[in-house]
Protein backbone atom coordinates (compact mmCIF):
# COMPACT_ATOMS: atom_id res chain seq x y z
CA MET A 1 142.99 88.61 93.47
CA PRO A 2 144.02 91.84 95.28
CA ASN A 3 143.04 93.83 92.17
CA ASP A 4 139.66 92.09 92.10
CA ARG A 5 139.15 93.01 95.74
CA VAL A 6 140.05 96.65 95.05
CA THR A 7 137.64 96.71 92.10
CA GLN A 8 134.83 95.21 94.18
CA THR A 9 135.45 97.70 96.98
CA ALA A 10 135.42 100.64 94.55
CA ALA A 11 132.17 99.36 92.99
CA SER A 12 130.61 98.97 96.43
CA HIS A 13 131.57 102.53 97.35
CA ALA A 14 130.21 103.86 94.05
CA LEU A 15 126.88 102.13 94.64
CA SER A 16 126.73 103.24 98.27
CA ASP A 17 127.34 106.87 97.28
CA ALA A 18 124.80 106.71 94.45
CA MET A 19 122.12 105.12 96.66
CA ALA A 20 122.73 107.64 99.45
CA ALA A 21 122.42 110.54 96.98
CA ALA A 22 119.25 109.03 95.47
CA ALA A 23 117.75 108.45 98.93
CA ALA A 24 118.34 112.10 99.81
CA GLU A 25 116.66 113.20 96.56
CA ILE A 26 113.70 110.89 97.18
CA ASP A 27 113.32 112.14 100.74
CA GLN A 28 113.30 115.71 99.46
CA ALA A 29 110.65 114.81 96.88
CA LEU A 30 108.56 113.04 99.54
CA ASP A 31 108.86 116.07 101.81
CA THR A 32 107.34 118.17 99.01
CA LEU A 33 104.66 115.63 98.07
CA LEU A 34 103.69 114.98 101.71
CA PRO A 35 103.79 118.44 103.32
CA ALA A 36 103.27 118.80 107.04
CA GLU A 37 99.77 120.06 107.87
CA ASP A 38 98.51 122.24 110.72
CA GLY A 39 94.79 121.46 110.43
CA PRO A 40 92.68 118.63 111.89
CA GLU A 41 94.35 116.14 109.51
CA ALA A 42 97.78 116.96 110.98
CA PRO A 43 98.17 113.63 112.88
CA LEU A 44 97.49 111.69 109.68
CA TYR A 45 100.09 113.64 107.70
CA ALA A 46 102.55 113.28 110.56
CA ALA A 47 102.12 109.48 110.52
CA MET A 48 102.47 109.38 106.72
CA ARG A 49 105.69 111.39 106.88
CA TYR A 50 106.99 109.28 109.78
CA ALA A 51 106.44 106.12 107.74
CA THR A 52 108.10 107.36 104.55
CA ILE A 53 110.71 110.07 105.13
CA GLY A 54 114.12 108.98 106.41
CA GLY A 55 115.46 105.46 106.75
CA GLY A 56 115.32 102.50 104.41
CA LYS A 57 117.55 101.64 101.47
CA ARG A 58 115.21 103.19 98.87
CA LEU A 59 115.94 100.16 96.69
CA ARG A 60 112.69 100.49 94.75
CA GLY A 61 113.06 104.22 94.24
CA PHE A 62 116.67 103.78 93.20
CA LEU A 63 115.61 101.21 90.61
CA VAL A 64 113.14 103.71 89.13
CA LEU A 65 115.80 106.42 88.94
CA GLU A 66 118.43 104.17 87.37
CA GLY A 67 115.95 102.68 84.89
CA ALA A 68 114.86 106.19 83.90
CA ARG A 69 118.49 107.25 83.48
CA GLN A 70 118.94 104.66 80.73
CA PHE A 71 116.49 106.64 78.58
CA GLY A 72 117.25 110.24 79.49
CA VAL A 73 114.03 110.76 81.46
CA SER A 74 113.80 114.04 83.38
CA ARG A 75 114.87 113.73 87.00
CA GLN A 76 111.67 115.39 88.24
CA ALA A 77 109.48 112.80 86.50
CA ALA A 78 111.62 109.91 87.72
CA LEU A 79 111.61 111.23 91.29
CA ARG A 80 107.82 111.46 91.30
CA VAL A 81 107.51 107.81 90.26
CA ALA A 82 110.24 106.82 92.72
CA SER A 83 108.31 108.63 95.46
CA ALA A 84 105.07 106.90 94.48
CA ILE A 85 106.58 103.42 94.76
CA GLU A 86 108.18 104.33 98.08
CA MET A 87 104.78 105.48 99.36
CA VAL A 88 103.22 102.15 98.37
CA HIS A 89 106.13 100.26 99.93
CA ALA A 90 105.81 102.30 103.14
CA TYR A 91 102.06 101.66 103.27
CA SER A 92 102.69 97.92 102.96
CA LEU A 93 105.17 98.02 105.85
CA VAL A 94 102.83 100.05 108.07
CA HIS A 95 100.05 97.50 107.57
CA ASP A 96 102.42 94.52 107.72
CA ASP A 97 103.63 95.64 111.15
CA LEU A 98 100.13 95.87 112.65
CA PRO A 99 99.09 93.44 115.41
CA ALA A 100 96.65 91.75 113.01
CA MET A 101 99.54 90.95 110.67
CA ASP A 102 103.14 90.50 111.87
CA ASN A 103 102.76 92.48 115.12
CA ASP A 104 106.18 94.16 114.94
CA ASP A 105 107.37 96.92 117.26
CA LEU A 106 110.48 97.96 115.33
CA ARG A 107 111.00 99.07 111.72
CA ARG A 108 114.11 100.73 110.27
CA GLY A 109 115.51 101.02 113.77
CA LYS A 110 112.59 103.01 115.23
CA PRO A 111 109.13 102.22 116.64
CA THR A 112 106.60 101.09 114.06
CA VAL A 113 103.84 103.53 113.14
CA HIS A 114 101.18 101.91 115.31
CA LYS A 115 103.56 102.14 118.27
CA ALA A 116 104.62 105.74 117.59
CA PHE A 117 100.99 106.80 117.01
CA ASP A 118 98.16 104.26 117.41
CA GLU A 119 96.61 101.42 115.42
CA ALA A 120 93.79 103.44 113.87
CA THR A 121 96.15 106.19 112.73
CA ALA A 122 98.52 103.58 111.31
CA ILE A 123 95.72 102.00 109.26
CA LEU A 124 94.64 105.39 107.92
CA ALA A 125 98.24 106.42 107.19
CA GLY A 126 98.73 103.26 105.13
CA ASP A 127 95.47 103.80 103.28
CA ALA A 128 96.34 107.43 102.57
CA LEU A 129 99.88 106.64 101.37
CA GLN A 130 98.54 104.08 98.91
CA THR A 131 95.92 106.37 97.43
CA HIS A 132 98.23 109.39 97.36
CA ALA A 133 100.79 107.38 95.36
CA PHE A 134 98.27 106.91 92.55
CA SER A 135 97.35 110.59 92.71
CA VAL A 136 101.01 111.47 92.15
CA LEU A 137 101.24 109.14 89.14
CA ALA A 138 98.05 110.60 87.65
CA GLU A 139 99.28 114.20 87.67
CA GLU A 140 100.70 115.83 84.54
CA ASP A 141 103.97 116.68 86.29
CA THR A 142 104.76 112.95 86.23
CA HIS A 143 104.56 112.77 82.41
CA PRO A 144 102.89 114.95 79.77
CA ASP A 145 101.51 111.90 77.93
CA PRO A 146 98.34 110.59 79.65
CA ALA A 147 98.91 107.14 78.10
CA VAL A 148 102.20 106.87 79.99
CA ARG A 149 100.54 107.93 83.23
CA VAL A 150 97.75 105.40 82.78
CA GLU A 151 100.28 102.64 82.04
CA LEU A 152 102.22 103.45 85.23
CA ILE A 153 98.99 103.42 87.26
CA ARG A 154 97.94 100.10 85.72
CA MET A 155 101.33 98.52 86.42
CA LEU A 156 101.49 99.69 90.02
CA ALA A 157 97.88 98.66 90.71
CA ARG A 158 98.61 95.16 89.42
CA GLY A 159 101.88 94.93 91.34
CA ALA A 160 100.27 96.02 94.61
CA GLY A 161 96.88 94.31 94.28
CA PRO A 162 95.38 90.84 94.70
CA ARG A 163 97.69 89.30 92.10
CA GLY A 164 100.65 91.16 93.51
CA MET A 165 101.73 92.30 96.96
CA CYS A 166 98.36 91.94 98.70
CA GLY A 167 97.86 88.48 97.24
CA GLY A 168 101.33 87.49 98.43
CA GLN A 169 100.56 88.73 101.93
CA MET A 170 97.39 86.61 101.95
CA LEU A 171 99.38 83.56 100.90
CA ASP A 172 101.91 84.32 103.65
CA MET A 173 99.16 84.46 106.27
CA LEU A 174 97.60 81.23 105.02
CA ALA A 175 101.01 79.54 105.08
CA GLU A 176 101.35 80.28 108.80
CA GLN A 177 98.04 78.48 109.41
CA ALA A 178 98.78 75.50 107.14
CA THR A 179 99.41 72.09 108.67
CA ALA A 180 101.99 71.17 106.01
CA ALA A 181 104.99 73.30 105.02
CA LEU A 182 104.98 74.90 101.57
CA ASP A 183 107.12 73.33 98.88
CA GLU A 184 109.66 75.26 96.80
CA PRO A 185 107.31 76.32 93.95
CA ALA A 186 104.70 77.55 96.45
CA ILE A 187 107.30 79.56 98.38
CA GLY A 188 108.59 81.01 95.12
CA ARG A 189 105.09 82.12 94.10
CA LEU A 190 104.39 83.65 97.50
CA GLN A 191 107.61 85.65 97.41
CA THR A 192 107.12 86.73 93.79
CA LEU A 193 103.74 88.18 94.66
CA LYS A 194 104.57 89.65 98.07
CA THR A 195 107.93 91.22 97.24
CA GLY A 196 108.84 90.63 93.61
CA LYS A 197 106.00 92.37 91.81
CA LEU A 198 106.76 95.83 93.22
CA ILE A 199 110.46 95.38 92.45
CA GLU A 200 109.49 94.41 88.87
CA PHE A 201 107.42 97.59 88.63
CA SER A 202 110.33 99.66 89.91
CA ALA A 203 112.74 98.19 87.39
CA GLU A 204 110.39 98.64 84.42
CA ALA A 205 108.94 102.05 85.29
CA GLY A 206 111.88 104.04 83.91
CA ALA A 207 111.47 102.37 80.53
CA VAL A 208 107.77 103.28 80.53
CA LEU A 209 108.60 106.90 81.36
CA GLY A 210 111.13 106.90 78.51
CA LYS A 211 108.71 105.27 76.04
CA ALA A 212 111.34 102.61 75.43
CA PRO A 213 110.91 99.80 72.88
CA LEU A 214 109.24 96.65 74.22
CA ALA A 215 112.49 94.68 74.08
CA GLN A 216 114.13 97.08 76.51
CA ARG A 217 111.07 97.14 78.74
CA HIS A 218 111.11 93.35 78.87
CA ALA A 219 114.83 93.31 79.63
CA LEU A 220 114.39 95.58 82.64
CA LEU A 221 111.32 93.61 83.72
CA GLY A 222 113.36 90.40 83.59
CA TYR A 223 116.14 92.07 85.57
CA GLY A 224 113.61 93.16 88.20
CA ARG A 225 112.05 89.70 88.39
CA ASP A 226 115.36 87.94 89.07
CA LEU A 227 116.57 90.73 91.35
CA GLY A 228 113.37 90.53 93.40
CA ALA A 229 113.70 86.77 93.83
CA ALA A 230 117.32 87.12 94.92
CA PHE A 231 116.36 89.96 97.27
CA GLN A 232 113.77 87.80 99.04
CA ILE A 233 116.17 84.90 99.49
CA ALA A 234 118.68 87.36 100.97
CA ASP A 235 115.94 88.60 103.34
CA ASP A 236 115.31 85.02 104.47
CA VAL A 237 119.05 84.51 105.01
CA LEU A 238 119.19 87.72 107.06
CA ASP A 239 116.22 86.64 109.17
CA ALA A 240 118.10 83.44 109.97
CA THR A 241 121.58 84.89 110.51
CA ALA A 242 121.53 88.64 111.25
CA THR A 243 120.80 90.52 114.46
CA ALA A 244 118.04 93.08 115.04
CA VAL A 245 120.77 95.73 115.41
CA GLU A 246 122.04 94.96 111.89
CA THR A 247 118.64 94.86 110.19
CA GLY A 248 116.75 97.48 112.19
CA LYS A 249 113.86 95.06 112.76
CA ALA A 250 113.17 91.83 114.62
CA THR A 251 114.92 88.73 113.26
CA GLY A 252 114.47 85.00 113.73
CA LYS A 253 110.71 85.37 113.36
CA ASP A 254 110.37 82.91 110.46
CA ALA A 255 111.93 80.07 112.43
CA ALA A 256 110.00 80.97 115.59
CA ALA A 257 106.73 80.88 113.64
CA GLY A 258 107.67 77.65 111.88
CA LYS A 259 107.32 79.46 108.56
CA ALA A 260 108.69 77.67 105.49
CA THR A 261 111.25 79.69 103.54
CA LEU A 262 113.79 78.70 100.92
CA VAL A 263 116.40 78.81 103.70
CA SER A 264 114.46 76.34 105.85
CA LEU A 265 113.75 74.18 102.82
CA LEU A 266 117.15 74.21 101.10
CA GLY A 267 119.53 75.16 103.90
CA LEU A 268 121.66 78.29 104.03
CA GLU A 269 124.31 77.21 101.54
CA ARG A 270 121.95 76.06 98.79
CA ALA A 271 119.73 79.11 99.30
CA ARG A 272 122.76 81.38 98.89
CA LEU A 273 123.79 79.54 95.72
CA GLN A 274 120.32 79.97 94.29
CA ALA A 275 120.44 83.70 95.06
CA GLU A 276 123.80 83.94 93.28
CA ARG A 277 122.36 82.22 90.20
CA LEU A 278 119.46 84.68 90.17
CA VAL A 279 121.86 87.62 90.41
CA ALA A 280 123.83 86.30 87.43
CA GLN A 281 120.60 85.99 85.44
CA ALA A 282 119.55 89.50 86.44
CA LYS A 283 122.82 90.95 85.16
CA ASP A 284 122.49 89.03 81.89
CA HIS A 285 119.28 90.96 81.17
CA LEU A 286 121.33 94.17 81.12
CA ASP A 287 123.68 93.15 78.31
CA GLY A 288 122.00 95.50 75.83
CA PHE A 289 122.41 98.59 78.02
CA GLY A 290 126.20 98.79 78.07
CA ASP A 291 128.18 100.68 80.67
CA LYS A 292 125.24 102.97 81.49
CA ALA A 293 123.69 100.11 83.48
CA GLY A 294 126.80 99.65 85.62
CA LEU A 295 125.10 100.62 88.87
CA LEU A 296 122.24 98.22 88.18
CA ARG A 297 124.78 95.41 87.82
CA ILE A 298 126.49 96.36 91.07
CA LEU A 299 123.08 96.59 92.76
CA ALA A 300 122.34 92.99 91.83
CA ASP A 301 125.45 91.88 93.73
CA PHE A 302 124.59 94.17 96.63
CA VAL A 303 121.15 92.68 97.32
CA ILE A 304 122.66 89.35 98.37
CA ALA A 305 125.73 90.79 100.12
CA ARG A 306 123.86 93.27 102.35
CA ARG A 307 123.46 92.88 106.12
CA SER A 308 120.38 95.02 106.53
C-alpha cells in the first residue's frame, strides 16, 4: 500500500508538472494569436485576452497536445489547435456568465468579463473569440494539408454548435424552467452536449493532425467521450461539496436553483462510483497506445480527484 501511494503521488506530480508546462505554452501561443491592440478595437482585444490568457486548467488544450504527441505532430501545429479550443471554451464561459445565462460574478478566481468590462463588451469578446478560433484553424500554419484543416473546422463547429455545446446550454436553460426534474438519460444527454462534445474534439484533434488511422481516431474519441462524462460528474460533485475558494467560482448553485444533476439524482456516493467506472472505460480506450499515453491515463484519474 505505501508503494502504491508513492506511485500515485509521483504520477500526480508528473501530471501537474506537464499540465503547468502545457498551460504556459498555450498562454504564450494565445498571447501571440491575440496581440494587444492600441487602436479603437483595443477594449475588445483587452477583453478577449482577459478571458483567455492566464488561469484555468487548460484541460482541453492539454488533451490536444497529448493526443498530437502520440503521432509526432509538430508542437507549433498542436499549440495552434490547443489555442483554438481554449478560445472557444473561453467564449462559452464569457457568455455563460452573463446575466441572461448564469449571472456569475466570479470565474477562475477573478471578476467575470462582464463585471471587469461591461455586458456589451463581454458579448462581443465571446463572439470574436469564437470566430477567431476558426480563423486560426483555417490558416496554413495549423497544417499544410487543407483537408486536415477543413476536418478540424468541421469537428469544432459540430462540437460547439446546436448539436454540441450550444444545444447543451439550451437544454440546461430549459431544464431550469421545467416543472419535472430530468431523468438520468436526459441529464446524460445534456451534459454530453454542453461539456462532452468539446472534450471529445480535444481528444481526437491530435489524431486528425497526425492523419492517424480511423481505429486510433476512434480510440481517442472514445477516451474523450468517457473522460468528458466523468469530468461533468466531478463538476457536479464539486458544486455540491467544494467551496468557492477551492473552485474559483460560485458553488452550490445547482441545488439553489433546484437543478437536476446526477449527484441530486443518484446521491454523492453513486455518482462518484459512476465517474470511476467512466474513468476505467476511458483508460481502456488507450490500450493500443502503450506507455506514450501515460499522461492521458493519469489525467483520467485526475478529473475525478480534482478540487477545482
